[in-house]
């Protein structure tokens, strides 16, 4: 019985050693991941800035098109002469 217990303890110690090694690797990755987080935050900021700039540019384009469009009272039926428009 004591031999079985010793083998079990040895297996448990081996398993613990593997788990500790894996945890050490995970901690190393977590320490390095702050760079990835920083890059992702930068990309998010650039994306938001691009979105804001595109909305502003679109608004300007809409204003320019609206300003270039003829006014409602610029052309009326009274200005057109008979036969001026041919289909």
C-alpha atoms as a PDB file:
ATOM      1  CA  UNK A   1       0.000   0.000   0.000  1.00  0.00           C
ATOM      2  CA  UNK A   2       2.789   2.452   0.805  1.00  0.00           C
ATOM      3  CA  UNK A   3       4.381   1.784  -2.597  1.00  0.00           C
ATOM      4  CA  UNK A   4       1.133   2.735  -4.340  1.00  0.00           C
ATOM      5  CA  UNK A   5       0.976   5.873  -2.239  1.00  0.00           C
ATOM      6  CA  UNK A   6       4.556   6.776  -3.168  1.00  0.00           C
ATOM      7  CA  UNK A   7       3.824   6.306  -6.866  1.00  0.00           C
ATOM      8  CA  UNK A   8       0.730   8.470  -6.561  1.00  0.00           C
ATOM      9  CA  UNK A   9       2.717  11.185  -4.795  1.00  0.00           C
ATOM     10  CA  UNK A  10       5.380  11.018  -7.512  1.00  0.00           C
ATOM     11  CA  UNK A  11       2.738  11.319 -10.255  1.00  0.00           C
ATOM     12  CA  UNK A  12       1.168  14.253  -8.432  1.00  0.00           C
ATOM     13  CA  UNK A  13       4.547  15.975  -8.094  1.00  0.00           C
ATOM     14  CA  UNK A  14       5.225  15.493 -11.806  1.00  0.00           C
ATOM     15  CA  UNK A  15       1.799  16.894 -12.639  1.00  0.00           C
ATOM     16  CA  UNK A  16       2.386  19.859 -10.343  1.00  0.00           C
ATOM     17  CA  UNK A  17       5.770  20.531 -11.935  1.00  0.00           C
ATOM     18  CA  UNK A  18       4.132  20.547 -15.405  1.00  0.00           C
ATOM     19  CA  UNK A  19       1.381  22.846 -14.173  1.00  0.00           C
ATOM     20  CA  UNK A  20       3.904  25.251 -12.661  1.00  0.00           C
ATOM     21  CA  UNK A  21       5.858  25.306 -15.915  1.00  0.00           C
ATOM     22  CA  UNK A  22       2.691  25.992 -17.899  1.00  0.00           C
ATOM     23  CA  UNK A  23       1.724  28.769 -15.490  1.00  0.00           C
ATOM     24  CA  UNK A  24       5.168  30.320 -15.850  1.00  0.00           C
ATOM     25  CA  UNK A  25       4.755  30.304 -19.653  1.00  0.00           C
ATOM     26  CA  UNK A  26       1.294  31.858 -19.347  1.00  0.00           C
ATOM     27  CA  UNK A  27       2.633  34.575 -17.055  1.00  0.00           C
ATOM     28  CA  UNK A  28       5.354  35.340 -19.595  1.00  0.00           C
ATOM     29  CA  UNK A  29       2.775  35.665 -22.339  1.00  0.00           C
ATOM     30  CA  UNK A  30       0.654  37.944 -20.175  1.00  0.00           C
ATOM     31  CA  UNK A  31       3.668  40.166 -19.516  1.00  0.00           C
ATOM     32  CA  UNK A  32       4.298  40.435 -23.261  1.00  0.00           C
ATOM     33  CA  UNK A  33       0.637  40.985 -24.143  1.00  0.00           C
ATOM     34  CA  UNK A  34       0.666  44.619 -22.971  1.00  0.00           C
ATOM     35  CA  UNK A  35       2.382  45.461 -26.257  1.00  0.00           C
ATOM     36  CA  UNK A  36      -0.393  43.779 -28.186  1.00  0.00           C
ATOM     37  CA  UNK A  37      -2.975  45.667 -26.147  1.00  0.00           C
ATOM     38  CA  UNK A  38      -1.180  48.925 -26.870  1.00  0.00           C
ATOM     39  CA  UNK A  39      -1.118  48.219 -30.618  1.00  0.00           C
ATOM     40  CA  UNK A  40      -4.805  47.265 -30.618  1.00  0.00           C
ATOM     41  CA  UNK A  41      -5.703  50.436 -28.698  1.00  0.00           C
ATOM     42  CA  UNK A  42      -3.766  52.475 -31.273  1.00  0.00           C
ATOM     43  CA  UNK A  43      -5.567  50.781 -34.141  1.00  0.00           C
ATOM     44  CA  UNK A  44      -8.897  51.439 -32.456  1.00  0.00           C
ATOM     45  CA  UNK A  45      -8.016  55.128 -32.061  1.00  0.00           C
ATOM     46  CA  UNK A  46      -6.987  55.359 -35.732  1.00  0.00           C
ATOM     47  CA  UNK A  47     -10.203  53.665 -36.811  1.00  0.00           C
ATOM     48  CA  UNK A  48     -12.328  56.069 -34.778  1.00  0.00           C
ATOM     49  CA  UNK A  49     -10.381  59.060 -36.147  1.00  0.00           C
ATOM     50  CA  UNK A  50     -10.883  57.804 -39.723  1.00  0.00           C
ATOM     51  CA  UNK A  51     -14.596  57.364 -39.085  1.00  0.00           C
ATOM     52  CA  UNK A  52     -14.919  60.909 -37.718  1.00  0.00           C
ATOM     53  CA  UNK A  53     -12.961  62.341 -40.663  1.00  0.00           C
ATOM     54  CA  UNK A  54     -15.105  60.464 -43.174  1.00  0.00           C
ATOM     55  CA  UNK A  55     -18.301  61.745 -41.544  1.00  0.00           C
ATOM     56  CA  UNK A  56     -16.992  65.327 -41.640  1.00  0.00           C
ATOM     57  CA  UNK A  57     -15.954  64.946 -45.298  1.00  0.00           C
ATOM     58  CA  UNK A  58     -19.318  63.452 -46.202  1.00  0.00           C
ATOM     59  CA  UNK A  59     -21.089  66.342 -44.485  1.00  0.00           C
ATOM     60  CA  UNK A  60     -18.995  68.838 -46.488  1.00  0.00           C
ATOM     61  CA  UNK A  61     -19.800  67.036 -49.733  1.00  0.00           C
ATOM     62  CA  UNK A  62     -23.504  67.118 -48.932  1.00  0.00           C
ATOM     63  CA  UNK A  63     -23.309  70.857 -48.154  1.00  0.00           C
ATOM     64  CA  UNK A  64     -21.474  71.542 -51.453  1.00  0.00           C
ATOM     65  CA  UNK A  65     -23.992  69.551 -53.473  1.00  0.00           C
ATOM     66  CA  UNK A  66     -26.859  71.299 -51.716  1.00  0.00           C
ATOM     67  CA  UNK A  67     -25.295  74.709 -52.426  1.00  0.00           C
ATOM     68  CA  UNK A  68     -24.746  73.841 -56.100  1.00  0.00           C
ATOM     69  CA  UNK A  69     -28.286  72.557 -56.614  1.00  0.00           C
ATOM     70  CA  UNK A  70     -30.688  74.938 -58.313  1.00  0.00           C
ATOM     71  CA  UNK A  71     -33.069  76.758 -56.055  1.00  0.00           C
ATOM     72  CA  UNK A  72     -36.716  75.853 -56.055  1.00  0.00           C
ATOM     73  CA  UNK A  73     -37.679  79.164 -57.656  1.00  0.00           C
ATOM     74  CA  UNK A  74     -34.829  79.332 -60.196  1.00  0.00           C
ATOM     75  CA  UNK A  75     -36.718  77.644 -63.027  1.00  0.00           C
ATOM     76  CA  UNK A  76     -40.441  77.823 -63.391  1.00  0.00           C
ATOM     77  CA  UNK A  77     -42.985  76.881 -65.975  1.00  0.00           C
ATOM     78  CA  UNK A  78     -43.455  80.536 -66.868  1.00  0.00           C
ATOM     79  CA  UNK A  79     -39.836  80.807 -68.070  1.00  0.00           C
ATOM     80  CA  UNK A  80     -40.145  77.957 -70.543  1.00  0.00           C
ATOM     81  CA  UNK A  81     -41.407  78.816 -74.019  1.00  0.00           C
ATOM     82  CA  UNK A  82     -43.496  76.602 -76.194  1.00  0.00           C
ATOM     83  CA  UNK A  83     -41.312  74.388 -78.354  1.00  0.00           C
ATOM     84  CA  UNK A  84     -38.163  75.092 -76.332  1.00  0.00           C
ATOM     85  CA  UNK A  85     -37.978  71.513 -75.142  1.00  0.00           C
ATOM     86  CA  UNK A  86     -38.117  68.757 -77.697  1.00  0.00           C
ATOM     87  CA  UNK A  87     -38.269  65.136 -76.813  1.00  0.00           C
END
